[in-house]
Amino acid sequence: MKVLRCVLKLAAVAAVAAAAAYAVTKYWDRIEDMFYVLVGKVKDKKVEYFPSEYEDFAD
C-alpha cells in the first residue's frame, strides 16, 4: 500500500510538472511580452541614486 501511494504521488508530481512545462511553452510569447513591459515600467520609475557630476553647473 505504501508503494502504491508513493507511485501515485510521483505520478501526480510528474503530471503537474508536465502541465507547467506545457503552459510555459504554450504561452511563452505572452510571458516574454509581459517581462519586457515590466522591465520598461521599472526603467521608467528608476530613481537615479548618483546624479550627474555636472548637475551642479546647470544654468
C-alpha atoms as a PDB file:
ATOM      1  CA  MET A   1       0.000   0.000   0.000  1.00  0.00           C
ATOM      2  CA  LYS A   2       2.848   2.397   0.807  1.00  0.00           C
ATOM      3  CA  VAL A   3       4.475   1.659  -2.537  1.00  0.00           C
ATOM      4  CA  LEU A   4       1.233   2.419  -4.359  1.00  0.00           C
ATOM      5  CA  ARG A   5       0.899   5.763  -2.568  1.00  0.00           C
ATOM      6  CA  CYS A   6       4.473   6.631  -3.440  1.00  0.00           C
ATOM      7  CA  VAL A   7       3.925   5.745  -7.098  1.00  0.00           C
ATOM      8  CA  LEU A   8       0.713   7.795  -7.220  1.00  0.00           C
ATOM      9  CA  LYS A   9       2.439  10.778  -5.630  1.00  0.00           C
ATOM     10  CA  LEU A  10       5.272  10.547  -8.141  1.00  0.00           C
ATOM     11  CA  ALA A  11       2.748  10.327 -10.980  1.00  0.00           C
ATOM     12  CA  ALA A  12       0.941  13.398  -9.636  1.00  0.00           C
ATOM     13  CA  VAL A  13       4.203  15.353  -9.397  1.00  0.00           C
ATOM     14  CA  ALA A  14       5.111  14.313 -12.945  1.00  0.00           C
ATOM     15  CA  ALA A  15       1.673  15.394 -14.204  1.00  0.00           C
ATOM     16  CA  VAL A  16       1.986  18.795 -12.519  1.00  0.00           C
ATOM     17  CA  ALA A  17       5.484  19.266 -13.939  1.00  0.00           C
ATOM     18  CA  ALA A  18       4.286  18.318 -17.415  1.00  0.00           C
ATOM     19  CA  ALA A  19       1.353  20.736 -17.146  1.00  0.00           C
ATOM     20  CA  ALA A  20       3.657  23.552 -16.052  1.00  0.00           C
ATOM     21  CA  ALA A  21       6.071  22.838 -18.912  1.00  0.00           C
ATOM     22  CA  TYR A  22       3.181  22.799 -21.386  1.00  0.00           C
ATOM     23  CA  ALA A  23       1.816  26.089 -20.061  1.00  0.00           C
ATOM     24  CA  VAL A  24       5.211  27.767 -20.314  1.00  0.00           C
ATOM     25  CA  THR A  25       5.766  26.573 -23.889  1.00  0.00           C
ATOM     26  CA  LYS A  26       2.202  27.416 -24.943  1.00  0.00           C
ATOM     27  CA  TYR A  27       2.245  30.958 -23.538  1.00  0.00           C
ATOM     28  CA  TRP A  28       5.950  31.792 -23.932  1.00  0.00           C
ATOM     29  CA  ASP A  29       5.276  34.777 -26.198  1.00  0.00           C
ATOM     30  CA  ARG A  30       2.869  36.304 -23.676  1.00  0.00           C
ATOM     31  CA  ILE A  31       5.283  35.657 -20.802  1.00  0.00           C
ATOM     32  CA  GLU A  32       8.091  37.309 -22.760  1.00  0.00           C
ATOM     33  CA  ASP A  33       5.939  40.339 -23.657  1.00  0.00           C
ATOM     34  CA  MET A  34       4.872  40.733 -20.030  1.00  0.00           C
ATOM     35  CA  PHE A  35       8.524  40.568 -18.949  1.00  0.00           C
ATOM     36  CA  TYR A  36       9.532  43.355 -21.341  1.00  0.00           C
ATOM     37  CA  VAL A  37       6.597  45.513 -20.256  1.00  0.00           C
ATOM     38  CA  LEU A  38       7.652  45.032 -16.639  1.00  0.00           C
ATOM     39  CA  VAL A  39      11.264  45.922 -17.458  1.00  0.00           C
ATOM     40  CA  GLY A  40      10.083  49.064 -19.257  1.00  0.00           C
ATOM     41  CA  LYS A  41       7.994  50.140 -16.281  1.00  0.00           C
ATOM     42  CA  VAL A  42      10.903  49.594 -13.911  1.00  0.00           C
ATOM     43  CA  LYS A  43      13.199  51.656 -16.139  1.00  0.00           C
ATOM     44  CA  ASP A  44      10.629  54.462 -16.265  1.00  0.00           C
ATOM     45  CA  LYS A  45      10.368  54.629 -12.471  1.00  0.00           C
ATOM     46  CA  LYS A  46      14.072  54.146 -11.790  1.00  0.00           C
ATOM     47  CA  VAL A  47      15.472  56.618  -9.313  1.00  0.00           C
ATOM     48  CA  GLU A  48      18.879  57.996 -10.088  1.00  0.00           C
ATOM     49  CA  TYR A  49      20.889  57.433  -6.923  1.00  0.00           C
ATOM     50  CA  PHE A  50      24.049  59.005  -8.255  1.00  0.00           C
ATOM     51  CA  PRO A  51      23.213  62.273 -10.017  1.00  0.00           C
ATOM     52  CA  SER A  52      25.456  63.566 -12.728  1.00  0.00           C
ATOM     53  CA  GLU A  53      28.537  65.435 -11.576  1.00  0.00           C
ATOM     54  CA  TYR A  54      27.656  68.286 -13.967  1.00  0.00           C
ATOM     55  CA  GLU A  55      24.200  68.784 -12.464  1.00  0.00           C
ATOM     56  CA  ASP A  56      25.514  71.488 -10.110  1.00  0.00           C
ATOM     57  CA  PHE A  57      26.741  73.587 -13.033  1.00  0.00           C
ATOM     58  CA  ALA A  58      23.409  73.832 -14.863  1.00  0.00           C
ATOM     59  CA  ASP A  59      22.355  77.380 -15.661  1.00  0.00           C
END
